Structure formats: structure tokens, C-alpha cells
Protein backbone atom coordinates (compact mmCIF):
# COMPACT_ATOMS: atom_id res chain seq x y z
CA MET A 1 -5.91 -35.00 185.39
CA THR A 2 -5.12 -37.39 188.21
CA ILE A 3 -3.49 -40.77 187.89
CA THR A 4 -6.79 -42.43 188.74
CA GLU A 5 -8.48 -40.66 185.84
CA VAL A 6 -5.69 -41.75 183.48
CA PHE A 7 -6.07 -45.39 184.55
CA GLU A 8 -9.87 -45.15 184.15
CA LYS A 9 -9.49 -43.88 180.59
CA ILE A 10 -6.94 -46.56 179.76
CA THR A 11 -9.06 -49.35 181.22
CA ALA A 12 -12.31 -48.09 179.61
CA GLY A 13 -11.32 -49.16 176.10
CA GLU A 14 -11.29 -52.58 174.47
CA MET A 15 -7.54 -52.92 174.72
CA ALA A 16 -7.47 -52.11 178.44
CA GLY A 17 -5.45 -55.17 179.39
CA TRP A 18 -2.91 -54.55 176.68
CA ALA A 19 -2.64 -50.88 177.60
CA LEU A 20 -1.96 -51.70 181.25
CA ALA A 21 0.59 -54.33 180.26
CA ALA A 22 2.30 -51.87 177.91
CA LEU A 23 2.37 -49.21 180.64
CA PHE A 24 3.87 -51.71 183.09
CA VAL A 25 6.55 -52.76 180.59
CA LEU A 26 7.31 -49.13 179.71
CA LEU A 27 7.75 -48.14 183.35
CA SER A 28 9.90 -51.21 184.00
CA LEU A 29 12.14 -50.44 181.01
CA ILE A 30 12.56 -46.86 182.17
CA GLN A 31 13.42 -48.19 185.64
CA VAL A 32 16.32 -50.34 184.37
CA SER A 33 17.50 -48.04 181.59
CA PRO A 34 20.68 -45.98 182.04
CA ILE A 35 18.52 -42.88 182.39
CA LYS A 36 17.88 -42.62 186.12
CA LEU A 37 14.19 -41.71 186.20
CA ASN A 38 13.25 -44.66 188.44
CA PRO A 39 9.46 -44.40 188.18
CA TRP A 40 8.83 -47.40 190.41
CA ASP A 41 11.03 -45.97 193.14
CA ASN A 42 9.17 -42.68 192.92
CA ILE A 43 5.76 -44.36 192.97
CA PHE A 44 6.66 -46.58 195.93
CA ALA A 45 8.26 -43.65 197.79
CA TRP A 46 5.09 -41.60 197.28
CA ILE A 47 2.92 -44.48 198.52
CA GLY A 48 5.25 -45.00 201.50
CA LYS A 49 5.07 -41.32 202.46
CA LYS A 50 1.29 -41.39 202.31
CA MET A 51 1.11 -44.55 204.43
CA ASN A 52 3.79 -43.59 206.96
CA GLY A 53 3.31 -39.83 207.22
CA SER A 54 1.75 -39.87 210.68
CA THR A 55 4.28 -42.43 211.90
CA GLU A 56 7.19 -40.27 210.75
CA LYS A 57 5.69 -37.24 212.47
CA ARG A 58 5.25 -39.20 215.71
CA LEU A 59 8.81 -40.53 215.44
CA GLN A 60 10.15 -36.97 215.13
CA GLU A 61 8.20 -35.99 218.23
CA VAL A 62 9.63 -38.93 220.18
CA GLU A 63 13.16 -38.14 218.99
CA LYS A 64 12.76 -34.56 220.24
CA GLN A 65 11.49 -35.79 223.60
CA VAL A 66 14.46 -38.16 223.97
CA SER A 67 16.87 -35.39 223.00
CA ASP A 68 15.31 -33.02 225.53
CA MET A 69 15.51 -35.68 228.25
CA TRP A 70 19.18 -36.34 227.40
CA ILE A 71 19.99 -32.63 227.61
CA ASN A 72 18.13 -32.18 230.89
CA ASN A 73 19.77 -35.27 232.40
CA HIS A 74 23.26 -34.01 231.55
CA ARG A 75 22.49 -30.50 232.78
CA GLN A 76 21.06 -31.82 236.04
CA CYS A 77 24.07 -34.08 236.61
CA ILE A 78 26.52 -31.19 236.18
CA LEU A 79 24.48 -28.75 238.28
CA THR A 80 23.98 -31.25 241.12
CA PHE A 81 27.64 -32.20 241.21
CA ALA A 82 28.76 -28.57 241.26
CA ARG A 83 26.27 -27.76 244.05
CA GLU A 84 27.53 -30.71 246.08
CA CYS A 85 31.12 -29.56 245.61
CA ARG A 86 30.21 -26.06 246.78
CA SER A 87 28.61 -27.68 249.85
CA ASP A 88 31.92 -29.47 250.64
CA ILE A 89 30.58 -32.93 249.83
CA SER A 90 33.50 -35.08 248.78
CA HIS A 91 33.39 -37.34 245.75
CA SER A 92 35.38 -40.34 244.62
CA SER A 93 37.66 -40.31 241.59
CA ASP A 94 35.07 -42.39 239.70
CA GLU A 95 32.40 -39.78 240.36
CA TRP A 96 34.76 -37.06 239.15
CA SER A 97 35.61 -39.03 236.05
CA ASN A 98 31.92 -39.57 235.32
CA VAL A 99 30.88 -35.93 235.74
CA LEU A 100 33.80 -34.68 233.62
CA ASN A 101 32.83 -37.14 230.87
CA VAL A 102 29.21 -35.98 231.09
CA ALA A 103 30.35 -32.36 230.87
CA GLU A 104 32.48 -33.11 227.81
CA GLU A 105 29.62 -34.94 226.08
CA TYR A 106 27.28 -32.08 226.88
CA GLU A 107 29.70 -29.45 225.57
CA LYS A 108 30.15 -31.34 222.29
CA TYR A 109 26.38 -31.69 221.91
CA VAL A 110 25.79 -27.99 222.64
CA GLU A 111 28.42 -26.99 220.10
CA GLU A 112 27.10 -29.41 217.48
CA LYS A 113 23.45 -28.38 217.89
CA ARG A 114 24.23 -24.68 218.48
CA ILE A 115 22.06 -24.40 221.57
CA THR A 116 22.58 -22.09 224.52
CA ASN A 117 24.65 -23.33 227.42
CA GLY A 118 24.09 -20.72 230.13
CA ILE A 119 25.04 -21.53 233.70
CA ILE A 120 26.22 -25.02 232.79
CA ASN A 121 29.32 -23.56 231.14
CA GLN A 122 30.25 -21.74 234.34
CA ASP A 123 29.66 -24.81 236.51
CA THR A 124 31.76 -26.90 234.12
CA GLN A 125 34.63 -24.43 234.38
CA TYR A 126 34.28 -24.44 238.17
CA LEU A 127 34.37 -28.25 238.28
CA ARG A 128 37.43 -28.47 236.03
CA LYS A 129 39.29 -25.90 238.13
CA LEU A 130 38.31 -27.65 241.37
CA TYR A 131 39.35 -31.01 239.91
CA GLN A 132 42.79 -29.60 239.05
CA GLU A 133 43.20 -28.20 242.57
CA LEU A 134 42.12 -31.44 244.25
CA SER A 135 44.31 -33.48 241.92
CA MET A 136 47.37 -31.39 242.75
CA GLU A 137 46.65 -31.76 246.45
CA HIS A 138 46.12 -35.55 246.09
CA LYS A 139 42.70 -35.33 247.79
CA PHE A 140 41.09 -38.27 246.02
């Protein structure tokens, strides 16, 4: 029996108004009683899920797209910087600071999300080693 059928049976009788009022009062008393059943919260949550189901699904899709873009942006930054260093293109200390921060953020994200790192890990190690060498030689 669905909730609609229950309400139809309640409202079909002579005391329909009183029955609805009694049901409303009963649910409200349960809501504020020390027993945490919270029928109104459950009813409103169910209605909210029905109304916003497609919106939540779309939001999850957008969040995944943003996450993928963030990952790709960080990977591309590290790969490009490492390629430029291998091509003997010099960089300022601000550029080094930025790429090392990006690498650190990326490593934390990879560890947190347990995703594969691949070649980025090797390029990050290369950049850190090169940074140490250049720093010791006072080249920037």
C-alpha cells in the first residue's frame, strides 16, 4: 500500500479532516520527542532527493570534470617544466618555486586519491634533484 492510497482511505471517511489533523499532530510529536525518528526530516529528505536527483547527478559529473582538469593541468605543468629544463631553458626562482609547489600539491592529491602517478613521479624527482644542483651552484 502506498502513501497515496493511505491518504485516500483516510480522506474518504466522514472524519477525514480530523484524521489528517491527528496524523499531522502525531508526526509532529514524534518529531520533537526524545526518540529520534524524525518523520518530517525523512519525508522532506525523500522529497528533496526526488526533486534534486538529476541535479545531484549533474553536479557529480561537473565535479569529476573539474577534478580531471585540475589533475591534467598539474601534470602538464610538471611535464612542460621538466622538458624545458632538459632543453637547457633557464627559469627564474619564482618559476622554480611555483613548479615545486605544483608538484607537491599533485603528489598529495595522488596519494590522497590513490591514483597512478607514472612519469610525473620521475619528472618530479628530476626537477628536485636539478633544483638542488642549481641552488648549490647559485645559478638563480
